[in-house]
Amino acid sequence: MTHGDDHKQRRGLALTEFALTIPLAFVLFIGILDFGRVFYTAMTVSHAARAGVQYGAQNSLTSGDFAGMRDVVTNAAADVNRNITPTACRFCQCADGSG
């Protein structure tokens, strides 16, 4: 085997390794992007729910404004581009747990 043949063989081996590695790297990259998208969606929905609760907890008038709470949640989650349907309800619990 001459020096030129050895160089061609190494170049072919590098090309083969590259061809086998690229699909794996691509799948890993897509997985990372997908995880980021899911994490962002979860944070946005959590923030929207918190905004709705804060709106309802302002005073006794807003605590019964279920449409207002739903609007706040829908507006806060506008970045998610999903068809979310928030549900508002009134919840009250005493500090001693008696209801």
C-alpha atoms as a PDB file:
ATOM      1  CA  MET A   1       0.000   0.000   0.000  1.00  0.00           C
ATOM      2  CA  THR A   2       1.418   3.354  -0.966  1.00  0.00           C
ATOM      3  CA  HIS A   3       1.144   6.593   0.901  1.00  0.00           C
ATOM      4  CA  GLY A   4      -1.569   7.927  -1.460  1.00  0.00           C
ATOM      5  CA  ASP A   5      -3.784   4.877  -0.952  1.00  0.00           C
ATOM      6  CA  ASP A   6      -3.506   5.245   2.828  1.00  0.00           C
ATOM      7  CA  HIS A   7      -4.604   8.885   2.607  1.00  0.00           C
ATOM      8  CA  LYS A   8      -7.640   7.987   0.459  1.00  0.00           C
ATOM      9  CA  GLN A   9      -8.608   5.220   2.873  1.00  0.00           C
ATOM     10  CA  ARG A  10      -8.423   7.573   5.863  1.00  0.00           C
ATOM     11  CA  ARG A  11     -10.458  10.183   4.026  1.00  0.00           C
ATOM     12  CA  GLY A  12     -13.102   7.578   3.194  1.00  0.00           C
ATOM     13  CA  LEU A  13     -13.180   6.435   6.815  1.00  0.00           C
ATOM     14  CA  ALA A  14     -13.645  10.010   8.044  1.00  0.00           C
ATOM     15  CA  LEU A  15     -16.481  10.493   5.574  1.00  0.00           C
ATOM     16  CA  THR A  16     -18.146   7.288   6.792  1.00  0.00           C
ATOM     17  CA  GLU A  17     -17.825   8.349  10.439  1.00  0.00           C
ATOM     18  CA  PHE A  18     -19.257  11.750   9.552  1.00  0.00           C
ATOM     19  CA  ALA A  19     -22.188  10.153   7.723  1.00  0.00           C
ATOM     20  CA  LEU A  20     -22.951   7.955  10.746  1.00  0.00           C
ATOM     21  CA  THR A  21     -22.592  10.780  13.280  1.00  0.00           C
ATOM     22  CA  ILE A  22     -24.691  13.482  11.574  1.00  0.00           C
ATOM     23  CA  PRO A  23     -28.090  11.734  11.948  1.00  0.00           C
ATOM     24  CA  LEU A  24     -27.417  11.100  15.637  1.00  0.00           C
ATOM     25  CA  ALA A  25     -26.376  14.718  16.195  1.00  0.00           C
ATOM     26  CA  PHE A  26     -29.444  15.920  14.285  1.00  0.00           C
ATOM     27  CA  VAL A  27     -31.813  13.790  16.391  1.00  0.00           C
ATOM     28  CA  LEU A  28     -30.114  15.019  19.566  1.00  0.00           C
ATOM     29  CA  PHE A  29     -30.450  18.638  18.421  1.00  0.00           C
ATOM     30  CA  ILE A  30     -34.149  18.211  17.574  1.00  0.00           C
ATOM     31  CA  GLY A  31     -34.704  16.595  20.994  1.00  0.00           C
ATOM     32  CA  ILE A  32     -33.088  19.551  22.728  1.00  0.00           C
ATOM     33  CA  LEU A  33     -35.267  21.989  20.777  1.00  0.00           C
ATOM     34  CA  ASP A  34     -38.396  19.989  21.559  1.00  0.00           C
ATOM     35  CA  PHE A  35     -37.550  19.858  25.269  1.00  0.00           C
ATOM     36  CA  GLY A  36     -37.059  23.631  25.276  1.00  0.00           C
ATOM     37  CA  ARG A  37     -40.419  24.167  23.586  1.00  0.00           C
ATOM     38  CA  VAL A  38     -42.211  21.938  26.107  1.00  0.00           C
ATOM     39  CA  PHE A  39     -40.455  23.635  29.034  1.00  0.00           C
ATOM     40  CA  TYR A  40     -41.377  27.092  27.684  1.00  0.00           C
ATOM     41  CA  THR A  41     -45.012  26.036  27.246  1.00  0.00           C
ATOM     42  CA  ALA A  42     -45.157  24.694  30.805  1.00  0.00           C
ATOM     43  CA  MET A  43     -43.720  27.929  32.213  1.00  0.00           C
ATOM     44  CA  THR A  44     -46.131  30.060  30.171  1.00  0.00           C
ATOM     45  CA  VAL A  45     -49.195  28.081  31.264  1.00  0.00           C
ATOM     46  CA  SER A  46     -48.037  28.217  34.897  1.00  0.00           C
ATOM     47  CA  HIS A  47     -47.559  31.983  34.645  1.00  0.00           C
ATOM     48  CA  ALA A  48     -50.991  32.388  33.044  1.00  0.00           C
ATOM     49  CA  ALA A  49     -52.671  30.405  35.822  1.00  0.00           C
ATOM     50  CA  ARG A  50     -50.875  32.495  38.438  1.00  0.00           C
ATOM     51  CA  ALA A  51     -52.012  35.705  36.701  1.00  0.00           C
ATOM     52  CA  GLY A  52     -55.624  34.492  36.776  1.00  0.00           C
ATOM     53  CA  VAL A  53     -55.374  33.691  40.485  1.00  0.00           C
ATOM     54  CA  GLN A  54     -53.844  37.082  41.238  1.00  0.00           C
ATOM     55  CA  TYR A  55     -56.665  38.797  39.354  1.00  0.00           C
ATOM     56  CA  GLY A  56     -59.312  36.863  41.286  1.00  0.00           C
ATOM     57  CA  ALA A  57     -57.615  37.453  44.638  1.00  0.00           C
ATOM     58  CA  GLN A  58     -57.555  41.256  44.366  1.00  0.00           C
ATOM     59  CA  ASN A  59     -60.823  41.901  46.193  1.00  0.00           C
ATOM     60  CA  SER A  60     -64.329  40.531  46.715  1.00  0.00           C
ATOM     61  CA  LEU A  61     -65.574  41.951  43.391  1.00  0.00           C
ATOM     62  CA  THR A  62     -62.925  40.272  41.241  1.00  0.00           C
ATOM     63  CA  SER A  63     -63.222  37.004  43.161  1.00  0.00           C
ATOM     64  CA  GLY A  64     -66.555  36.407  41.456  1.00  0.00           C
ATOM     65  CA  ASP A  65     -65.526  37.715  38.024  1.00  0.00           C
ATOM     66  CA  PHE A  66     -64.921  34.347  36.363  1.00  0.00           C
ATOM     67  CA  ALA A  67     -64.993  35.827  32.852  1.00  0.00           C
ATOM     68  CA  GLY A  68     -62.325  38.330  33.859  1.00  0.00           C
ATOM     69  CA  MET A  69     -60.137  35.556  35.281  1.00  0.00           C
ATOM     70  CA  ARG A  70     -60.504  33.552  32.066  1.00  0.00           C
ATOM     71  CA  ASP A  71     -59.608  36.612  29.983  1.00  0.00           C
ATOM     72  CA  VAL A  72     -56.498  37.278  32.057  1.00  0.00           C
ATOM     73  CA  VAL A  73     -55.353  33.665  31.677  1.00  0.00           C
ATOM     74  CA  THR A  74     -56.048  33.624  27.938  1.00  0.00           C
ATOM     75  CA  ASN A  75     -54.161  36.894  27.402  1.00  0.00           C
ATOM     76  CA  ALA A  76     -51.214  35.767  29.533  1.00  0.00           C
ATOM     77  CA  ALA A  77     -50.918  32.521  27.559  1.00  0.00           C
ATOM     78  CA  ALA A  78     -51.173  34.147  24.127  1.00  0.00           C
ATOM     79  CA  ASP A  79     -47.532  33.262  23.293  1.00  0.00           C
ATOM     80  CA  VAL A  80     -48.211  29.546  23.505  1.00  0.00           C
ATOM     81  CA  ASN A  81     -50.385  29.444  20.354  1.00  0.00           C
ATOM     82  CA  ARG A  82     -52.600  26.724  21.758  1.00  0.00           C
ATOM     83  CA  ASN A  83     -56.343  26.604  22.142  1.00  0.00           C
ATOM     84  CA  ILE A  84     -56.492  26.736  25.912  1.00  0.00           C
ATOM     85  CA  THR A  85     -59.785  26.767  27.754  1.00  0.00           C
ATOM     86  CA  PRO A  86     -59.273  28.074  31.290  1.00  0.00           C
ATOM     87  CA  THR A  87     -61.842  27.263  33.947  1.00  0.00           C
ATOM     88  CA  ALA A  88     -62.344  29.601  36.895  1.00  0.00           C
ATOM     89  CA  CYS A  89     -63.877  28.691  40.237  1.00  0.00           C
ATOM     90  CA  ARG A  90     -64.039  30.116  43.727  1.00  0.00           C
ATOM     91  CA  PHE A  91     -62.173  28.267  46.453  1.00  0.00           C
ATOM     92  CA  CYS A  92     -62.008  29.152  50.113  1.00  0.00           C
ATOM     93  CA  GLN A  93     -60.400  27.252  52.965  1.00  0.00           C
ATOM     94  CA  CYS A  94     -60.003  28.267  56.573  1.00  0.00           C
ATOM     95  CA  ALA A  95     -56.559  28.318  58.133  1.00  0.00           C
ATOM     96  CA  ASP A  96     -57.487  25.492  60.520  1.00  0.00           C
ATOM     97  CA  GLY A  97     -58.733  23.356  57.609  1.00  0.00           C
ATOM     98  CA  SER A  98     -62.358  23.313  58.777  1.00  0.00           C
ATOM     99  CA  GLY A  99     -63.710  24.574  55.456  1.00  0.00           C
END
